[in-house]
């Protein structure tokens, strides 16, 4: 006979509180994932039998679970209902809806979970070959691939509400035994309440694909953990990222992923509802010392980003958004692949938003790292596809004004006049103007990039401006610009290179080499 709700509630109890001792950002997001799952199961006919063995209650700061007996029947049924697979092998989390409702998001989530929580082969059963999965993006067909699963660890966990649970990487990415010879002393474990929260962390987390072009370790995916102060409001937060297209899940770095989450919540007036303006982020990539697995290469917390800095990031993201770019047709099949061209400047803007620095700070270093990370034949085309977006940004007085805007204007006018002089020389001597302009562009870029002191920068800028004659921006704002050459020379160098990189109209701007598939 089916038990009444009151009878099911009579028994043991497990309470998981947002603000209990030991609750980290991952625990809190996991608790939010548990709350979302329980709310989804309320209307899931396949999970109706759960009420036969237990009951639950969700409020703004915690979840209370009740059951009879030892709890095995209830928790086994709860876990089975919470973590599923589609017929095609995609991870299916009922709290986030069926994967086919948000197909692009579902594949990103699937691949990200396999690259973070379930990266070790012992934590999942998988098919031998990846499968294609096509979605429509801006009237283009974009084909993603994923590794179909037959099972995964979260489905087979043996949860005991009366005992601590061992913690491994699949439950807490980065958590592992530190010394095999001292496993008992260096292994991790959690009390049942916190262990249950960790189990549902994949449900509450927000995932992004990372496309970094700079030299060094390149993360492939990252997990963002928004601060959770109210479980009921967090469900709305998580849903707003489900409704976004797959393009919004492509970022150029972990900092951009974190700030994109905060900026999106700020735009939707959800940060106040959450009760916090912070988030944590973990990025995973292949490190040289461990190429067989995805290592946690970044882990940090964004404590507080101001509304002004979030608005600046939103402007950058709008001007420099991810684009699908077609490859050349395959010589044999004629097939055209499409890949994501993800601008790199928004991650720099996000890093500066976190630090409270001007959005262009570090632009010179970014350009240099991107050149080092590019293939030899592509180095001169670095930032080429971002030129139009950079032009929009420096033309926005809300983003660039005062002496900084005057300095950029003076540099661009000097460069325009230099191109005019080269054009006259090419006509007079019968030379190729495009080749002359490209060589001069590289010479000027290198001269600015090599400035390692205020004195070197002043000398380089003075030489550059003097070749152009009288510059109105320089004349009108000289008294404002002059202090920058001494006290803020690194930022001045960044602005000079930004002026060069954003100048539109020189030969080669439309060259298709800028759209070649990058070296991942």
Protein backbone atom coordinates (compact mmCIF):
# COMPACT_ATOMS: atom_id res chain seq x y z
CA UNK A 1 0.00 0.00 0.00
CA UNK A 2 1.24 3.49 -0.84
CA UNK A 3 2.35 5.41 2.26
CA UNK A 4 0.82 8.75 3.02
CA UNK A 5 3.09 11.79 2.97
CA UNK A 6 2.96 12.03 6.77
CA UNK A 7 3.96 8.39 7.14
CA UNK A 8 6.86 8.80 4.76
CA UNK A 9 8.06 11.82 6.67
CA UNK A 10 8.20 9.89 9.93
CA UNK A 11 11.77 8.66 10.20
CA UNK A 12 15.27 9.95 9.81
CA UNK A 13 16.20 13.43 8.67
CA UNK A 14 19.14 15.01 6.81
CA UNK A 15 19.43 18.80 6.65
CA UNK A 16 21.80 20.57 4.25
CA UNK A 17 22.23 24.28 5.05
CA UNK A 18 23.82 26.89 2.78
CA UNK A 19 25.70 28.47 5.65
CA UNK A 20 26.67 25.44 7.68
CA UNK A 21 30.37 25.09 8.64
CA UNK A 22 32.49 23.64 5.84
CA UNK A 23 30.23 24.76 2.98
CA UNK A 24 32.40 26.08 0.14
CA UNK A 25 31.30 27.68 -3.13
CA UNK A 26 31.18 24.23 -4.74
CA UNK A 27 29.05 22.86 -1.89
CA UNK A 28 26.61 25.77 -2.13
CA UNK A 29 26.20 25.47 -5.88
CA UNK A 30 25.74 21.72 -5.39
CA UNK A 31 23.05 22.36 -2.79
CA UNK A 32 21.35 24.66 -5.28
CA UNK A 33 21.56 21.83 -7.82
CA UNK A 34 19.93 19.46 -5.32
CA UNK A 35 17.13 21.96 -4.65
CA UNK A 36 16.56 22.43 -8.39
CA UNK A 37 16.47 18.67 -8.89
CA UNK A 38 13.93 18.11 -6.12
CA UNK A 39 11.72 20.84 -7.53
CA UNK A 40 11.92 19.27 -10.99
CA UNK A 41 11.05 15.84 -9.58
CA UNK A 42 7.90 17.29 -8.01
CA UNK A 43 6.28 17.24 -11.46
CA UNK A 44 8.18 14.26 -12.92
CA UNK A 45 5.88 11.29 -13.26
CA UNK A 46 8.83 8.90 -13.51
CA UNK A 47 9.94 9.94 -10.01
CA UNK A 48 6.54 9.76 -8.32
CA UNK A 49 7.54 6.60 -6.43
CA UNK A 50 10.02 8.67 -4.40
CA UNK A 51 7.14 9.77 -2.21
CA UNK A 52 6.65 6.16 -1.17
CA UNK A 53 9.93 6.08 0.71
CA UNK A 54 10.59 9.67 1.75
CA UNK A 55 9.84 13.36 1.55
CA UNK A 56 11.67 16.69 1.25
CA UNK A 57 11.33 20.37 1.89
CA UNK A 58 13.18 23.22 0.16
CA UNK A 59 13.39 26.76 1.49
CA UNK A 60 15.59 29.75 0.71
CA UNK A 61 18.63 28.53 2.66
CA UNK A 62 18.46 24.77 2.87
CA UNK A 63 17.04 21.37 1.98
CA UNK A 64 15.58 18.88 4.45
CA UNK A 65 15.25 15.23 3.42
CA UNK A 66 13.18 12.70 5.40
CA UNK A 67 12.93 8.94 4.99
CA UNK A 68 12.10 5.72 6.75
CA UNK A 69 14.41 2.80 7.41
CA UNK A 70 18.11 3.04 6.57
CA UNK A 71 17.46 5.38 3.63
CA UNK A 72 18.99 3.15 0.97
CA UNK A 73 15.77 2.71 -1.00
CA UNK A 74 14.99 6.43 -0.92
CA UNK A 75 18.45 7.69 -1.86
CA UNK A 76 18.97 5.05 -4.54
CA UNK A 77 15.70 6.10 -6.15
CA UNK A 78 16.54 9.81 -5.76
CA UNK A 79 19.96 9.44 -7.40
CA UNK A 80 18.56 7.30 -10.22
CA UNK A 81 15.95 9.97 -10.95
CA UNK A 82 18.47 12.80 -10.70
CA UNK A 83 21.22 11.56 -13.02
CA UNK A 84 20.17 10.07 -16.34
CA UNK A 85 21.33 9.48 -19.91
CA UNK A 86 19.48 9.96 -23.18
CA UNK A 87 19.25 7.14 -25.71
CA UNK A 88 22.12 8.77 -27.61
CA UNK A 89 24.39 8.82 -24.53
CA UNK A 90 24.10 12.48 -23.53
CA UNK A 91 24.11 13.40 -19.86
CA UNK A 92 20.54 14.23 -18.81
CA UNK A 93 20.01 16.23 -15.63
CA UNK A 94 16.23 16.64 -15.05
CA UNK A 95 16.81 19.87 -13.10
CA UNK A 96 17.98 21.43 -16.39
CA UNK A 97 15.30 19.88 -18.57
CA UNK A 98 15.67 17.35 -21.37
CA UNK A 99 18.84 17.84 -23.47
CA UNK A 100 16.82 18.20 -26.66
CA UNK A 101 15.17 21.33 -25.25
CA UNK A 102 18.56 23.11 -25.30
CA UNK A 103 20.68 20.97 -27.66
CA UNK A 104 23.67 23.31 -28.02
CA UNK A 105 23.87 23.87 -24.27
CA UNK A 106 23.49 20.12 -23.62
CA UNK A 107 26.58 19.20 -25.64
CA UNK A 108 28.67 21.94 -24.01
CA UNK A 109 27.55 20.68 -20.58
CA UNK A 110 28.26 17.05 -21.53
CA UNK A 111 31.77 17.79 -22.80
CA UNK A 112 32.56 20.10 -19.89
CA UNK A 113 31.45 17.54 -17.29
CA UNK A 114 33.67 14.95 -18.99
CA UNK A 115 36.56 17.41 -18.89
CA UNK A 116 36.09 18.26 -15.21
CA UNK A 117 34.11 15.99 -12.89
CA UNK A 118 34.26 12.82 -15.04
CA UNK A 119 37.58 13.17 -16.79
CA UNK A 120 39.04 9.90 -15.46
CA UNK A 121 37.98 6.86 -17.49
CA UNK A 122 37.13 4.94 -14.31
CA UNK A 123 34.30 7.39 -13.60
CA UNK A 124 32.27 6.62 -16.72
CA UNK A 125 31.55 4.01 -19.34
CA UNK A 126 31.90 5.39 -22.85
CA UNK A 127 31.61 4.35 -26.46
CA UNK A 128 34.77 4.14 -28.52
CA UNK A 129 33.92 6.88 -31.01
CA UNK A 130 32.50 10.36 -30.71
CA UNK A 131 29.19 11.22 -32.31
CA UNK A 132 28.26 14.37 -34.22
CA UNK A 133 25.47 16.61 -32.98
CA UNK A 134 24.31 19.48 -35.17
CA UNK A 135 22.59 22.67 -34.04
CA UNK A 136 21.57 25.81 -35.91
CA UNK A 137 23.44 29.00 -35.01
CA UNK A 138 22.54 32.23 -36.85
CA UNK A 139 21.08 30.23 -39.75
CA UNK A 140 24.26 28.14 -39.99
CA UNK A 141 24.62 24.47 -39.13
CA UNK A 142 27.25 23.97 -36.46
CA UNK A 143 28.29 20.38 -35.78
CA UNK A 144 29.58 19.56 -32.32
CA UNK A 145 30.89 16.18 -31.25
CA UNK A 146 30.49 14.34 -27.97
CA UNK A 147 31.54 11.01 -26.46
CA UNK A 148 28.40 8.94 -25.73
CA UNK A 149 28.22 7.42 -22.26
CA UNK A 150 26.70 4.16 -21.07
CA UNK A 151 26.93 5.15 -17.38
CA UNK A 152 28.69 7.63 -15.13
CA UNK A 153 29.81 7.68 -11.51
CA UNK A 154 27.00 9.86 -10.18
CA UNK A 155 24.52 7.17 -11.21
CA UNK A 156 26.30 4.44 -9.29
CA UNK A 157 27.22 6.19 -6.07
CA UNK A 158 26.30 4.26 -2.94
CA UNK A 159 25.19 7.10 -0.68
CA UNK A 160 24.81 6.28 3.02
CA UNK A 161 23.26 9.11 5.07
CA UNK A 162 24.80 7.71 8.25
CA UNK A 163 28.46 7.63 7.22
CA UNK A 164 31.11 10.03 5.88
CA UNK A 165 31.76 9.65 2.16
CA UNK A 166 35.22 9.45 0.54
CA UNK A 167 35.92 12.40 -1.78
CA UNK A 168 37.70 11.93 -5.11
CA UNK A 169 38.14 14.08 -8.21
CA UNK A 170 34.77 13.11 -9.69
CA UNK A 171 33.06 14.58 -6.62
CA UNK A 172 35.38 17.54 -6.07
CA UNK A 173 37.65 18.38 -9.05
CA UNK A 174 41.18 18.77 -7.74
CA UNK A 175 40.42 16.78 -4.59
CA UNK A 176 42.55 13.65 -4.46
CA UNK A 177 44.90 11.59 -2.35
CA UNK A 178 48.15 13.54 -2.09
CA UNK A 179 50.47 10.69 -1.10
CA UNK A 180 49.66 7.09 -2.03
CA UNK A 181 51.92 5.73 0.71
CA UNK A 182 49.88 7.74 3.24
CA UNK A 183 46.39 7.37 1.78
CA UNK A 184 44.65 7.20 5.12
CA UNK A 185 46.24 10.46 6.25
CA UNK A 186 45.91 12.45 3.00
CA UNK A 187 42.60 11.23 1.56
CA UNK A 188 39.48 13.40 1.78
CA UNK A 189 36.06 12.62 3.14
CA UNK A 190 32.88 14.57 3.82
CA UNK A 191 29.99 14.31 6.21
CA UNK A 192 26.76 13.04 4.55
CA UNK A 193 25.15 16.48 4.25
CA UNK A 194 28.15 18.07 2.53
CA UNK A 195 28.82 14.96 0.43
CA UNK A 196 25.24 15.08 -0.91
CA UNK A 197 25.75 18.74 -1.85
CA UNK A 198 28.96 17.89 -3.75
CA UNK A 199 27.17 15.09 -5.58
CA UNK A 200 24.82 17.65 -7.17
CA UNK A 201 27.50 20.24 -8.02
CA UNK A 202 27.44 19.35 -11.76
CA UNK A 203 23.76 20.33 -11.79
CA UNK A 204 24.16 23.82 -10.36
CA UNK A 205 27.43 24.84 -12.04
CA UNK A 206 27.61 26.97 -15.21
CA UNK A 207 29.91 25.69 -17.97
CA UNK A 208 31.86 27.40 -20.75
CA UNK A 209 34.15 26.31 -23.57
CA UNK A 210 37.45 28.19 -23.54
CA UNK A 211 39.28 29.24 -26.72
CA UNK A 212 42.58 30.79 -25.69
CA UNK A 213 45.03 31.81 -28.42
CA UNK A 214 47.89 33.10 -26.27
CA UNK A 215 51.05 31.12 -25.59
CA UNK A 216 51.12 28.84 -22.54
CA UNK A 217 48.62 26.42 -21.04
CA UNK A 218 45.29 26.69 -22.80
CA UNK A 219 42.21 25.69 -20.80
CA UNK A 220 39.53 23.83 -22.73
CA UNK A 221 36.63 24.34 -20.35
CA UNK A 222 35.78 26.11 -17.14
CA UNK A 223 33.19 25.84 -14.39
CA UNK A 224 31.69 28.99 -12.87
CA UNK A 225 30.16 28.85 -9.41
CA UNK A 226 28.01 31.92 -8.70
CA UNK A 227 27.64 32.87 -5.06
CA UNK A 228 24.43 31.40 -3.67
CA UNK A 229 22.57 33.10 -0.82
CA UNK A 230 19.02 32.09 -1.77
CA UNK A 231 18.19 28.66 -3.20
CA UNK A 232 14.85 29.70 -4.63
CA UNK A 233 16.32 32.52 -6.70
CA UNK A 234 19.26 30.46 -7.92
CA UNK A 235 17.01 28.28 -10.07
CA UNK A 236 16.13 31.39 -12.09
CA UNK A 237 19.84 32.24 -12.37
CA UNK A 238 20.69 28.82 -13.78
CA UNK A 239 17.76 28.89 -16.19
CA UNK A 240 18.84 32.20 -17.75
CA UNK A 241 22.04 30.53 -19.02
CA UNK A 242 20.09 27.58 -20.39
CA UNK A 243 18.03 29.91 -22.55
CA UNK A 244 21.11 31.47 -24.13
CA UNK A 245 22.47 30.19 -27.41
CA UNK A 246 25.61 28.12 -27.70
CA UNK A 247 27.57 31.19 -28.87
CA UNK A 248 27.24 32.71 -25.40
CA UNK A 249 29.00 29.68 -23.91
CA UNK A 250 32.23 30.38 -25.83
CA UNK A 251 34.84 32.49 -24.02
CA UNK A 252 38.54 33.29 -24.41
CA UNK A 253 39.50 32.74 -20.78
CA UNK A 254 38.36 31.92 -17.27
CA UNK A 255 38.20 35.59 -16.29
CA UNK A 256 35.78 36.28 -19.12
CA UNK A 257 33.60 33.33 -18.06
CA UNK A 258 33.36 34.65 -14.50
CA UNK A 259 32.64 38.24 -15.52
CA UNK A 260 30.18 37.15 -18.20
CA UNK A 261 28.14 35.39 -15.54
CA UNK A 262 28.18 38.44 -13.27
CA UNK A 263 27.43 40.82 -16.16
CA UNK A 264 24.50 38.69 -17.32
CA UNK A 265 23.05 38.53 -13.82
CA UNK A 266 23.54 42.27 -13.36
CA UNK A 267 21.75 42.98 -16.65
CA UNK A 268 18.82 40.81 -15.54
CA UNK A 269 18.76 42.36 -12.05
CA UNK A 270 19.46 38.98 -10.47
CA UNK A 271 22.59 39.80 -8.48
CA UNK A 272 20.56 41.60 -5.84
CA UNK A 273 18.16 38.67 -5.65
CA UNK A 274 21.06 36.28 -5.06
CA UNK A 275 22.34 38.47 -2.27
CA UNK A 276 25.96 38.41 -3.49
CA UNK A 277 28.06 39.94 -6.27
CA UNK A 278 30.76 37.30 -6.50
CA UNK A 279 31.56 33.96 -8.07
CA UNK A 280 34.30 31.35 -8.17
CA UNK A 281 35.75 29.75 -11.28
CA UNK A 282 37.81 26.66 -12.07
CA UNK A 283 39.49 26.18 -15.46
CA UNK A 284 40.75 22.84 -16.77
CA UNK A 285 43.28 22.18 -19.50
CA UNK A 286 46.07 19.88 -20.60
CA UNK A 287 49.29 20.67 -18.75
CA UNK A 288 52.74 19.62 -20.09
CA UNK A 289 53.39 17.52 -16.99
CA UNK A 290 50.13 15.55 -17.31
CA UNK A 291 48.93 15.21 -20.89
CA UNK A 292 46.67 12.23 -20.14
CA UNK A 293 44.17 14.23 -18.12
CA UNK A 294 42.64 17.67 -17.73
CA UNK A 295 44.39 19.49 -14.90
CA UNK A 296 42.82 22.27 -12.87
CA UNK A 297 45.01 25.06 -14.21
CA UNK A 298 43.17 28.03 -12.68
CA UNK A 299 41.06 28.49 -9.58
CA UNK A 300 40.09 31.92 -8.24
CA UNK A 301 37.25 33.98 -6.82
CA UNK A 302 35.90 37.25 -8.15
CA UNK A 303 35.10 39.02 -4.90
CA UNK A 304 33.24 42.07 -6.21
CA UNK A 305 32.99 43.59 -9.65
CA UNK A 306 31.49 47.08 -9.87
CA UNK A 307 28.49 47.89 -12.04
CA UNK A 308 30.65 50.24 -14.10
CA UNK A 309 33.23 47.53 -14.86
CA UNK A 310 30.47 45.05 -15.75
CA UNK A 311 28.96 47.59 -18.17
CA UNK A 312 32.36 48.02 -19.81
CA UNK A 313 32.67 44.25 -20.23
CA UNK A 314 29.17 44.03 -21.73
CA UNK A 315 30.15 46.69 -24.27
CA UNK A 316 33.29 44.73 -25.16
CA UNK A 317 31.36 41.46 -25.46
CA UNK A 318 28.81 43.15 -27.72
CA UNK A 319 31.50 44.62 -29.98
CA UNK A 320 33.63 41.47 -29.98
CA UNK A 321 31.34 38.46 -29.93
CA UNK A 322 32.14 34.85 -30.96
CA UNK A 323 31.52 34.04 -34.62
CA UNK A 324 31.17 30.83 -36.56
CA UNK A 325 33.75 30.74 -39.35
CA UNK A 326 33.63 28.26 -42.25
CA UNK A 327 36.74 26.35 -43.24
CA UNK A 328 37.83 25.72 -46.81
CA UNK A 329 35.89 22.87 -48.46
CA UNK A 330 37.51 19.48 -48.09
CA UNK A 331 39.35 18.55 -51.28
CA UNK A 332 37.80 15.06 -51.40
CA UNK A 333 34.36 15.39 -49.83
CA UNK A 334 33.65 19.09 -50.28
CA UNK A 335 32.59 19.22 -46.64
CA UNK A 336 32.80 22.61 -44.92
CA UNK A 337 33.63 22.60 -41.23
CA UNK A 338 32.75 25.49 -38.95
CA UNK A 339 34.73 26.58 -35.92
CA UNK A 340 34.42 29.31 -33.34
CA UNK A 341 36.45 32.50 -33.81
CA UNK A 342 36.43 33.82 -30.25
CA UNK A 343 37.96 37.31 -29.73
CA UNK A 344 40.68 37.45 -27.09
CA UNK A 345 40.33 41.08 -25.98
CA UNK A 346 37.16 40.49 -23.89
CA UNK A 347 39.14 38.25 -21.53
CA UNK A 348 41.62 41.10 -21.02
CA UNK A 349 38.71 43.47 -20.36
CA UNK A 350 37.31 40.95 -17.86
CA UNK A 351 40.66 40.62 -16.04
CA UNK A 352 40.84 44.40 -15.72
CA UNK A 353 37.21 44.53 -14.54
CA UNK A 354 38.14 42.12 -11.75
CA UNK A 355 41.19 44.18 -10.77
CA UNK A 356 39.50 47.57 -11.16
CA UNK A 357 42.01 48.64 -13.85
CA UNK A 358 41.41 50.46 -17.18
CA UNK A 359 40.05 48.00 -19.72
CA UNK A 360 43.00 48.39 -22.09
CA UNK A 361 45.70 47.73 -19.46
CA UNK A 362 48.00 44.91 -20.58
CA UNK A 363 47.02 45.14 -24.26
CA UNK A 364 50.69 45.13 -25.33
CA UNK A 365 51.36 41.93 -23.39
CA UNK A 366 48.22 40.27 -24.78
CA UNK A 367 49.27 41.05 -28.36
CA UNK A 368 52.74 39.63 -27.72
CA UNK A 369 51.41 36.43 -26.10
CA UNK A 370 48.98 35.89 -28.96
CA UNK A 371 51.77 36.25 -31.51
CA UNK A 372 53.88 33.74 -29.61
CA UNK A 373 50.96 31.32 -29.49
CA UNK A 374 50.14 31.56 -33.20
CA UNK A 375 51.58 29.49 -36.02
CA UNK A 376 54.52 31.23 -37.76
CA UNK A 377 52.43 31.95 -40.86
CA UNK A 378 49.58 33.46 -38.85
CA UNK A 379 51.44 35.82 -36.52
CA UNK A 380 50.97 38.90 -38.63
CA UNK A 381 47.20 38.26 -38.67
CA UNK A 382 46.81 38.12 -34.90
CA UNK A 383 43.98 40.48 -33.81
CA UNK A 384 43.05 41.07 -37.46
CA UNK A 385 39.52 39.75 -36.99
CA UNK A 386 39.10 41.91 -33.86
CA UNK A 387 39.99 45.16 -35.59
CA UNK A 388 36.42 46.23 -36.28
CA UNK A 389 35.33 45.54 -32.70
CA UNK A 390 38.30 47.44 -31.29
CA UNK A 391 37.42 50.37 -33.52
CA UNK A 392 33.91 50.41 -32.05
CA UNK A 393 35.29 50.32 -28.52
CA UNK A 394 37.73 53.22 -28.89
CA UNK A 395 35.01 55.22 -30.62
CA UNK A 396 32.71 54.81 -27.63
CA UNK A 397 33.21 57.83 -25.36
CA UNK A 398 31.83 55.82 -22.44
CA UNK A 399 34.82 53.49 -22.79
CA UNK A 400 37.56 55.89 -23.89
CA UNK A 401 37.58 59.61 -23.18
CA UNK A 402 39.82 62.42 -21.98
CA UNK A 403 43.62 62.30 -22.48
CA UNK A 404 43.49 58.58 -23.33
CA UNK A 405 41.16 59.24 -26.26
CA UNK A 406 43.33 62.16 -27.41
CA UNK A 407 46.45 60.00 -27.33
CA UNK A 408 44.79 57.27 -29.38
CA UNK A 409 43.47 59.87 -31.82
CA UNK A 410 46.95 61.38 -32.24
CA UNK A 411 48.49 57.97 -32.91
CA UNK A 412 45.85 57.02 -35.46
CA UNK A 413 46.17 60.36 -37.26
CA UNK A 414 49.95 59.95 -37.35
CA UNK A 415 49.54 56.47 -38.81
CA UNK A 416 47.00 57.68 -41.39
CA UNK A 417 49.44 60.33 -42.58
CA UNK A 418 52.24 57.80 -42.66
CA UNK A 419 50.15 55.59 -44.95
CA UNK A 420 49.51 58.62 -47.16
CA UNK A 421 53.26 59.25 -47.48
CA UNK A 422 53.84 55.58 -48.35
CA UNK A 423 51.11 55.73 -50.98
CA UNK A 424 52.80 58.72 -52.64
CA UNK A 425 56.15 56.93 -52.55
CA UNK A 426 54.66 53.77 -54.08
CA UNK A 427 53.11 55.79 -56.91
CA UNK A 428 56.27 57.77 -57.51
CA UNK A 429 58.64 54.79 -57.50
CA UNK A 430 56.33 52.13 -58.93
CA UNK A 431 56.37 50.04 -55.73
CA UNK A 432 53.74 47.81 -54.16
CA UNK A 433 51.89 49.95 -51.61
CA UNK A 434 50.51 46.96 -49.70
CA UNK A 435 53.98 45.52 -49.09
CA UNK A 436 55.33 48.91 -48.00
CA UNK A 437 52.44 49.41 -45.56
CA UNK A 438 52.79 45.95 -44.05
CA UNK A 439 56.52 46.38 -43.44
CA UNK A 440 56.00 49.80 -41.87
CA UNK A 441 53.14 48.48 -39.73
CA UNK A 442 55.40 45.77 -38.33
CA UNK A 443 58.24 48.23 -37.75
CA UNK A 444 56.00 50.59 -35.77
CA UNK A 445 54.46 47.73 -33.81
CA UNK A 446 57.88 46.39 -32.81
CA UNK A 447 59.16 49.84 -31.88
CA UNK A 448 56.28 50.31 -29.40
CA UNK A 449 56.39 46.74 -28.10
CA UNK A 450 60.10 47.02 -27.27
CA UNK A 451 59.67 50.07 -25.05
CA UNK A 452 60.68 48.95 -21.55
CA UNK A 453 60.86 52.32 -19.82
CA UNK A 454 59.23 55.75 -19.84
CA UNK A 455 62.28 57.26 -21.58
CA UNK A 456 62.19 54.69 -24.41
CA UNK A 457 58.46 55.24 -24.91
CA UNK A 458 58.80 59.04 -25.02
CA UNK A 459 61.54 58.76 -27.61
CA UNK A 460 59.55 56.32 -29.75
CA UNK A 461 56.33 58.33 -29.58
CA UNK A 462 58.12 61.60 -30.29
CA UNK A 463 59.73 60.09 -33.39
CA UNK A 464 56.41 58.59 -34.53
CA UNK A 465 54.48 61.83 -34.10
CA UNK A 466 57.19 64.05 -35.57
CA UNK A 467 57.02 62.20 -38.92
CA UNK A 468 53.34 63.16 -39.20
CA UNK A 469 53.66 66.91 -38.78
CA UNK A 470 51.07 68.91 -36.82
CA UNK A 471 48.50 66.74 -34.99
CA UNK A 472 45.35 68.52 -33.67
CA UNK A 473 44.65 65.99 -30.88
CA UNK A 474 48.23 66.33 -29.69
CA UNK A 475 48.18 70.12 -29.77
CA UNK A 476 44.85 70.47 -27.95
CA UNK A 477 45.53 67.87 -25.27
CA UNK A 478 49.30 68.05 -24.81
CA UNK A 479 49.12 69.20 -21.20
CA UNK A 480 46.81 66.29 -20.39
CA UNK A 481 48.86 63.72 -22.30
CA UNK A 482 52.25 64.77 -20.95
CA UNK A 483 51.82 63.29 -17.41
CA UNK A 484 50.85 59.95 -18.96
CA UNK A 485 54.25 59.67 -20.64
CA UNK A 486 55.96 59.71 -17.25
CA UNK A 487 53.61 58.32 -14.63
CA UNK A 488 51.56 55.88 -16.73
CA UNK A 489 53.95 54.93 -19.49
CA UNK A 490 52.92 51.24 -19.57
CA UNK A 491 49.29 52.22 -20.13
CA UNK A 492 50.41 54.75 -22.73
CA UNK A 493 52.26 51.99 -24.58
CA UNK A 494 49.11 49.86 -24.42
CA UNK A 495 47.06 52.73 -25.88
CA UNK A 496 49.57 53.37 -28.67
CA UNK A 497 49.44 49.72 -29.72
CA UNK A 498 45.66 49.71 -29.34
CA UNK A 499 45.49 52.67 -31.73
CA UNK A 500 47.57 50.73 -34.26
CA UNK A 501 45.61 47.49 -33.87
CA UNK A 502 42.22 49.20 -34.21
CA UNK A 503 43.05 51.37 -37.23
CA UNK A 504 40.73 50.35 -40.04
CA UNK A 505 41.46 50.93 -43.68
CA UNK A 506 45.01 49.74 -44.28
CA UNK A 507 45.91 47.14 -46.90
CA UNK A 508 45.18 43.58 -45.90
CA UNK A 509 42.25 44.34 -43.60
CA UNK A 510 39.97 42.06 -45.55
CA UNK A 511 42.55 39.35 -46.20
CA UNK A 512 41.06 35.90 -45.71
CA UNK A 513 44.19 34.64 -43.99
CA UNK A 514 42.86 36.25 -40.84
CA UNK A 515 40.07 33.65 -40.85
CA UNK A 516 42.27 30.54 -40.99
CA UNK A 517 41.51 27.98 -38.32
CA UNK A 518 43.77 28.67 -35.34
CA UNK A 519 46.11 26.18 -33.79
CA UNK A 520 44.20 24.74 -30.82
